[in-house]
Every structure is written in C-alpha cells, then in structure tokens.
C-alpha cells in the first residue's frame, strides 16, 4: 500500500504546499467546528476565569493596600505609644531622682539631729562627770587640806562646819588664782 501511495505521488505533479481541494474543505469544516466549539463553550469559561482572576488580583491589591494602610496606622500608633512610654519613663525616673534626693536630705537632717542629740548628751554627761569629779576632788582636797592644816596648826580641825568653811574658802581662793592667770 505504501508503494501505491508513492507511485501515485510520483504520477501527480502537484504543489506540496497547496493541499488538494477535498482535504482543504474537510480541514476548513473541522476548523469551523472547533472554532465554534471554542467560541461558544470554552471562550466564555476562559473569560470568566480570567475575569475572576483579575477581580481577585485587584481585590488582593486593594486588600494589600488596605492592610498596608492599617499597618502604617498601627505603626504610627506604636511609635506614639513608644514615645509616650519613653516620656513617662523619663518622668518616673525624674520623680524617683527627686524622691531619692529628698530622702537623702531627710536622712541627712535626721542624722544631723541625732548627732546633735548625741553631742549634747555627751556634753551633758561630760559636764555631769566634771561636776562629780570636781565635787569628789573638792572633798578629797578638803580632807587633805584639813589634815594638813591640822598638822601645821597643831590642833584638830574636827568641827565639820568649820572644816567646810575652811575648805570652801581655800578652794575659792584657788579658783580665783586660776582664773586670774588665764
């Protein structure tokens, strides 16, 4: 059969680029059927899918723009809150420093007051000790002076009132001499 076709092709001298008439008619008819089918059935479905896709893309772009706008708004709110929080933190830090300085001043004043109380109590104790020591010394010196005076005079100075007057007079004279030399 192939041999027949080859022999037939050799006998006819036809242009290979131009198909025979019946093939051209069948091809044109098949093309018209396929074109009609595509035009009536497939093309509307393709256009519908493309329209839906375009709408989805446009809707997605609009949603993306809305989301970007919302994100920008949220970012601005966040920046405002952050600035406010920083301002509040600075204010709280300043208050804490002021309270710390005030507390330090109060503690210093309290320490100063306590120190003054301790110094005053020390001075009072020192004055009381000095007075007690002076009193004890006065008695001891008076007793020694009385004993010495008794030995010098040769008589007993046992009378207590007399002894006290003599001791007081002697000590007063010593104090006057000490003040005069200062």
C-alpha atoms as a PDB file:
ATOM      1  CA  UNK A   1       0.000   0.000   0.000  1.00  0.00           C
ATOM      2  CA  UNK A   2       2.795   2.370   0.716  1.00  0.00           C
ATOM      3  CA  UNK A   3       4.167   1.526  -2.643  1.00  0.00           C
ATOM      4  CA  UNK A   4       0.870   2.589  -4.259  1.00  0.00           C
ATOM      5  CA  UNK A   5       0.908   5.889  -2.483  1.00  0.00           C
ATOM      6  CA  UNK A   6       4.439   6.584  -3.502  1.00  0.00           C
ATOM      7  CA  UNK A   7       3.600   5.682  -7.120  1.00  0.00           C
ATOM      8  CA  UNK A   8       0.532   7.902  -7.010  1.00  0.00           C
ATOM      9  CA  UNK A   9       2.555  10.756  -5.597  1.00  0.00           C
ATOM     10  CA  UNK A  10       5.097  10.330  -8.359  1.00  0.00           C
ATOM     11  CA  UNK A  11       2.445  10.401 -11.131  1.00  0.00           C
ATOM     12  CA  UNK A  12       0.805  13.583  -9.949  1.00  0.00           C
ATOM     13  CA  UNK A  13       2.658  16.755 -10.180  1.00  0.00           C
ATOM     14  CA  UNK A  14       1.024  18.775  -7.570  1.00  0.00           C
ATOM     15  CA  UNK A  15       2.409  21.580  -5.421  1.00  0.00           C
ATOM     16  CA  UNK A  16       3.191  20.172  -1.963  1.00  0.00           C
ATOM     17  CA  UNK A  17       2.312  23.437  -0.234  1.00  0.00           C
ATOM     18  CA  UNK A  18      -1.252  23.533  -1.541  1.00  0.00           C
ATOM     19  CA  UNK A  19      -3.418  20.685  -0.290  1.00  0.00           C
ATOM     20  CA  UNK A  20      -5.975  19.028  -2.559  1.00  0.00           C
ATOM     21  CA  UNK A  21      -9.480  20.531  -2.625  1.00  0.00           C
ATOM     22  CA  UNK A  22     -11.386  17.891  -0.606  1.00  0.00           C
ATOM     23  CA  UNK A  23      -8.779  17.953   2.169  1.00  0.00           C
ATOM     24  CA  UNK A  24      -8.975  21.704   2.223  1.00  0.00           C
ATOM     25  CA  UNK A  25     -12.770  21.552   2.530  1.00  0.00           C
ATOM     26  CA  UNK A  26     -12.675  18.927   5.329  1.00  0.00           C
ATOM     27  CA  UNK A  27      -9.929  20.891   7.125  1.00  0.00           C
ATOM     28  CA  UNK A  28     -11.918  24.139   6.855  1.00  0.00           C
ATOM     29  CA  UNK A  29     -15.074  22.400   8.104  1.00  0.00           C
ATOM     30  CA  UNK A  30     -13.179  20.821  11.044  1.00  0.00           C
ATOM     31  CA  UNK A  31     -11.622  24.196  11.821  1.00  0.00           C
ATOM     32  CA  UNK A  32     -15.073  25.858  11.804  1.00  0.00           C
ATOM     33  CA  UNK A  33     -16.488  23.195  14.182  1.00  0.00           C
ATOM     34  CA  UNK A  34     -13.546  23.508  16.580  1.00  0.00           C
ATOM     35  CA  UNK A  35     -13.651  27.302  16.328  1.00  0.00           C
ATOM     36  CA  UNK A  36     -17.406  27.348  17.026  1.00  0.00           C
ATOM     37  CA  UNK A  37     -16.958  24.993  19.979  1.00  0.00           C
ATOM     38  CA  UNK A  38     -14.156  27.169  21.404  1.00  0.00           C
ATOM     39  CA  UNK A  39     -16.087  30.359  20.769  1.00  0.00           C
ATOM     40  CA  UNK A  40     -19.371  29.157  22.322  1.00  0.00           C
ATOM     41  CA  UNK A  41     -18.178  26.901  25.118  1.00  0.00           C
ATOM     42  CA  UNK A  42     -14.505  27.374  26.003  1.00  0.00           C
ATOM     43  CA  UNK A  43     -14.013  31.102  25.388  1.00  0.00           C
ATOM     44  CA  UNK A  44     -16.757  32.237  27.842  1.00  0.00           C
ATOM     45  CA  UNK A  45     -15.362  29.894  30.512  1.00  0.00           C
ATOM     46  CA  UNK A  46     -11.830  31.170  29.906  1.00  0.00           C
ATOM     47  CA  UNK A  47     -13.040  34.799  30.014  1.00  0.00           C
ATOM     48  CA  UNK A  48     -14.988  34.064  33.186  1.00  0.00           C
ATOM     49  CA  UNK A  49     -11.933  32.534  34.866  1.00  0.00           C
ATOM     50  CA  UNK A  50      -9.749  35.438  33.676  1.00  0.00           C
ATOM     51  CA  UNK A  51     -12.294  37.986  34.980  1.00  0.00           C
ATOM     52  CA  UNK A  52     -12.467  36.216  38.333  1.00  0.00           C
ATOM     53  CA  UNK A  53      -8.697  36.098  38.455  1.00  0.00           C
ATOM     54  CA  UNK A  54      -8.423  39.794  37.551  1.00  0.00           C
ATOM     55  CA  UNK A  55     -11.022  40.666  40.219  1.00  0.00           C
ATOM     56  CA  UNK A  56      -9.196  38.515  42.767  1.00  0.00           C
ATOM     57  CA  UNK A  57      -5.909  40.184  41.910  1.00  0.00           C
ATOM     58  CA  UNK A  58      -7.466  43.649  42.040  1.00  0.00           C
ATOM     59  CA  UNK A  59      -9.249  42.727  45.313  1.00  0.00           C
ATOM     60  CA  UNK A  60      -5.967  41.355  46.646  1.00  0.00           C
ATOM     61  CA  UNK A  61      -4.210  44.569  45.680  1.00  0.00           C
ATOM     62  CA  UNK A  62      -6.937  46.609  47.366  1.00  0.00           C
ATOM     63  CA  UNK A  63      -6.754  44.376  50.434  1.00  0.00           C
ATOM     64  CA  UNK A  64      -2.969  44.667  50.433  1.00  0.00           C
ATOM     65  CA  UNK A  65      -3.228  48.455  50.176  1.00  0.00           C
ATOM     66  CA  UNK A  66      -5.811  48.499  52.996  1.00  0.00           C
ATOM     67  CA  UNK A  67      -3.598  46.202  55.073  1.00  0.00           C
ATOM     68  CA  UNK A  68      -0.606  48.416  54.336  1.00  0.00           C
ATOM     69  CA  UNK A  69      -2.599  51.498  55.347  1.00  0.00           C
ATOM     70  CA  UNK A  70      -3.738  49.751  58.522  1.00  0.00           C
ATOM     71  CA  UNK A  71      -0.188  48.582  59.222  1.00  0.00           C
ATOM     72  CA  UNK A  72       1.058  52.147  58.745  1.00  0.00           C
ATOM     73  CA  UNK A  73      -1.644  53.379  61.135  1.00  0.00           C
ATOM     74  CA  UNK A  74      -0.708  50.719  63.696  1.00  0.00           C
ATOM     75  CA  UNK A  75       2.968  51.631  63.257  1.00  0.00           C
ATOM     76  CA  UNK A  76       2.185  55.301  63.901  1.00  0.00           C
ATOM     77  CA  UNK A  77       0.153  54.352  66.990  1.00  0.00           C
ATOM     78  CA  UNK A  78       3.005  52.149  68.168  1.00  0.00           C
ATOM     79  CA  UNK A  79       5.506  54.960  67.651  1.00  0.00           C
ATOM     80  CA  UNK A  80       3.223  57.367  69.532  1.00  0.00           C
ATOM     81  CA  UNK A  81       2.805  54.875  72.393  1.00  0.00           C
ATOM     82  CA  UNK A  82       6.539  54.250  72.443  1.00  0.00           C
ATOM     83  CA  UNK A  83       7.257  57.984  72.599  1.00  0.00           C
ATOM     84  CA  UNK A  84       4.655  58.357  75.351  1.00  0.00           C
ATOM     85  CA  UNK A  85       6.151  55.414  77.253  1.00  0.00           C
ATOM     86  CA  UNK A  86       9.629  56.928  76.950  1.00  0.00           C
ATOM     87  CA  UNK A  87       8.279  60.260  78.179  1.00  0.00           C
ATOM     88  CA  UNK A  88       6.535  58.531  81.089  1.00  0.00           C
ATOM     89  CA  UNK A  89       9.705  56.579  81.927  1.00  0.00           C
ATOM     90  CA  UNK A  90      11.726  59.809  81.910  1.00  0.00           C
ATOM     91  CA  UNK A  91       9.125  61.453  84.153  1.00  0.00           C
ATOM     92  CA  UNK A  92       9.148  58.498  86.557  1.00  0.00           C
ATOM     93  CA  UNK A  93      12.949  58.471  86.570  1.00  0.00           C
ATOM     94  CA  UNK A  94      12.949  62.206  87.359  1.00  0.00           C
ATOM     95  CA  UNK A  95      10.419  61.695  90.160  1.00  0.00           C
ATOM     96  CA  UNK A  96      12.485  58.844  91.567  1.00  0.00           C
ATOM     97  CA  UNK A  97      15.611  61.019  91.499  1.00  0.00           C
ATOM     98  CA  UNK A  98      13.742  63.846  93.223  1.00  0.00           C
ATOM     99  CA  UNK A  99      12.335  61.470  95.841  1.00  0.00           C
ATOM    100  CA  UNK A 100      15.794  59.968  96.312  1.00  0.00           C
ATOM    101  CA  UNK A 101      17.307  63.427  96.786  1.00  0.00           C
ATOM    102  CA  UNK A 102      14.523  64.340  99.208  1.00  0.00           C
ATOM    103  CA  UNK A 103      15.018  61.083 101.123  1.00  0.00           C
ATOM    104  CA  UNK A 104      18.771  61.694 101.269  1.00  0.00           C
ATOM    105  CA  UNK A 105      18.157  65.239 102.571  1.00  0.00           C
ATOM    106  CA  UNK A 106      15.726  63.915 105.191  1.00  0.00           C
ATOM    107  CA  UNK A 107      18.171  61.208 106.246  1.00  0.00           C
ATOM    108  CA  UNK A 108      20.975  63.769 106.493  1.00  0.00           C
ATOM    109  CA  UNK A 109      18.780  66.051 108.583  1.00  0.00           C
ATOM    110  CA  UNK A 110      17.819  63.121 110.816  1.00  0.00           C
ATOM    111  CA  UNK A 111      21.476  62.102 111.094  1.00  0.00           C
ATOM    112  CA  UNK A 112      22.438  65.688 111.916  1.00  0.00           C
ATOM    113  CA  UNK A 113      19.704  65.857 114.563  1.00  0.00           C
ATOM    114  CA  UNK A 114      20.781  62.550 116.087  1.00  0.00           C
ATOM    115  CA  UNK A 115      24.410  63.649 116.028  1.00  0.00           C
ATOM    116  CA  UNK A 116      23.492  66.894 117.778  1.00  0.00           C
ATOM    117  CA  UNK A 117      21.484  64.949 120.370  1.00  0.00           C
ATOM    118  CA  UNK A 118      24.413  62.597 120.936  1.00  0.00           C
ATOM    119  CA  UNK A 119      26.863  65.509 121.173  1.00  0.00           C
ATOM    120  CA  UNK A 120      24.531  67.371 123.559  1.00  0.00           C
ATOM    121  CA  UNK A 121      24.083  64.226 125.654  1.00  0.00           C
ATOM    122  CA  UNK A 122      27.869  63.766 125.620  1.00  0.00           C
ATOM    123  CA  UNK A 123      28.410  67.372 126.709  1.00  0.00           C
ATOM    124  CA  UNK A 124      25.796  66.987 129.450  1.00  0.00           C
ATOM    125  CA  UNK A 125      27.389  63.733 130.595  1.00  0.00           C
ATOM    126  CA  UNK A 126      30.829  65.338 130.452  1.00  0.00           C
ATOM    127  CA  UNK A 127      29.589  68.318 132.460  1.00  0.00           C
ATOM    128  CA  UNK A 128      27.960  65.991 134.990  1.00  0.00           C
ATOM    129  CA  UNK A 129      31.126  63.884 135.197  1.00  0.00           C
ATOM    130  CA  UNK A 130      33.240  67.048 135.523  1.00  0.00           C
ATOM    131  CA  UNK A 131      30.955  68.343 138.245  1.00  0.00           C
ATOM    132  CA  UNK A 132      31.032  64.987 140.052  1.00  0.00           C
ATOM    133  CA  UNK A 133      34.807  64.828 139.661  1.00  0.00           C
ATOM    134  CA  UNK A 134      35.130  68.402 140.917  1.00  0.00           C
ATOM    135  CA  UNK A 135      32.897  67.572 143.872  1.00  0.00           C
ATOM    136  CA  UNK A 136      34.896  64.442 144.666  1.00  0.00           C
ATOM    137  CA  UNK A 137      38.144  66.313 144.175  1.00  0.00           C
ATOM    138  CA  UNK A 138      36.883  69.146 146.362  1.00  0.00           C
ATOM    139  CA  UNK A 139      36.046  66.697 149.125  1.00  0.00           C
ATOM    140  CA  UNK A 140      39.353  64.863 148.780  1.00  0.00           C
ATOM    141  CA  UNK A 141      41.350  68.103 148.612  1.00  0.00           C
ATOM    142  CA  UNK A 142      39.331  69.475 151.533  1.00  0.00           C
ATOM    143  CA  UNK A 143      40.022  66.411 153.598  1.00  0.00           C
ATOM    144  CA  UNK A 144      43.720  66.521 152.747  1.00  0.00           C
ATOM    145  CA  UNK A 145      43.853  70.268 153.423  1.00  0.00           C
ATOM    146  CA  UNK A 146      42.118  69.802 156.751  1.00  0.00           C
ATOM    147  CA  UNK A 147      44.510  67.056 157.741  1.00  0.00           C
ATOM    148  CA  UNK A 148      47.494  69.121 156.613  1.00  0.00           C
ATOM    149  CA  UNK A 149      46.191  72.267 158.314  1.00  0.00           C
ATOM    150  CA  UNK A 150      45.601  70.280 161.474  1.00  0.00           C
ATOM    151  CA  UNK A 151      49.145  69.036 161.405  1.00  0.00           C
ATOM    152  CA  UNK A 152      50.504  72.513 160.716  1.00  0.00           C
ATOM    153  CA  UNK A 153      48.395  74.278 163.286  1.00  0.00           C
ATOM    154  CA  UNK A 154      48.802  71.527 165.732  1.00  0.00           C
ATOM    155  CA  UNK A 155      45.176  71.373 166.679  1.00  0.00           C
ATOM    156  CA  UNK A 156      42.405  69.202 165.472  1.00  0.00           C
ATOM    157  CA  UNK A 157      40.009  70.647 162.962  1.00  0.00           C
ATOM    158  CA  UNK A 158      37.328  68.094 163.588  1.00  0.00           C
ATOM    159  CA  UNK A 159      34.448  70.512 163.684  1.00  0.00           C
ATOM    160  CA  UNK A 160      32.578  69.813 160.489  1.00  0.00           C
ATOM    161  CA  UNK A 161      31.111  73.274 159.898  1.00  0.00           C
ATOM    162  CA  UNK A 162      34.437  74.894 160.471  1.00  0.00           C
ATOM    163  CA  UNK A 163      36.106  72.360 158.251  1.00  0.00           C
ATOM    164  CA  UNK A 164      33.627  73.036 155.401  1.00  0.00           C
ATOM    165  CA  UNK A 165      34.105  76.813 155.628  1.00  0.00           C
ATOM    166  CA  UNK A 166      37.868  76.488 155.614  1.00  0.00           C
ATOM    167  CA  UNK A 167      37.803  74.097 152.658  1.00  0.00           C
ATOM    168  CA  UNK A 168      35.389  76.265 150.681  1.00  0.00           C
ATOM    169  CA  UNK A 169      37.433  79.394 151.329  1.00  0.00           C
ATOM    170  CA  UNK A 170      40.647  77.606 150.320  1.00  0.00           C
ATOM    171  CA  UNK A 171      39.126  76.231 147.100  1.00  0.00           C
ATOM    172  CA  UNK A 172      37.550  79.570 146.207  1.00  0.00           C
ATOM    173  CA  UNK A 173      40.938  81.246 146.552  1.00  0.00           C
ATOM    174  CA  UNK A 174      42.482  78.567 144.298  1.00  0.00           C
ATOM    175  CA  UNK A 175      39.791  79.086 141.683  1.00  0.00           C
ATOM    176  CA  UNK A 176      40.267  82.881 141.745  1.00  0.00           C
ATOM    177  CA  UNK A 177      44.022  82.470 141.280  1.00  0.00           C
ATOM    178  CA  UNK A 178      43.446  80.037 138.403  1.00  0.00           C
ATOM    179  CA  UNK A 179      41.071  82.436 136.656  1.00  0.00           C
ATOM    180  CA  UNK A 180      43.403  85.372 137.183  1.00  0.00           C
ATOM    181  CA  UNK A 181      46.292  83.510 135.487  1.00  0.00           C
ATOM    182  CA  UNK A 182      44.241  82.709 132.400  1.00  0.00           C
END
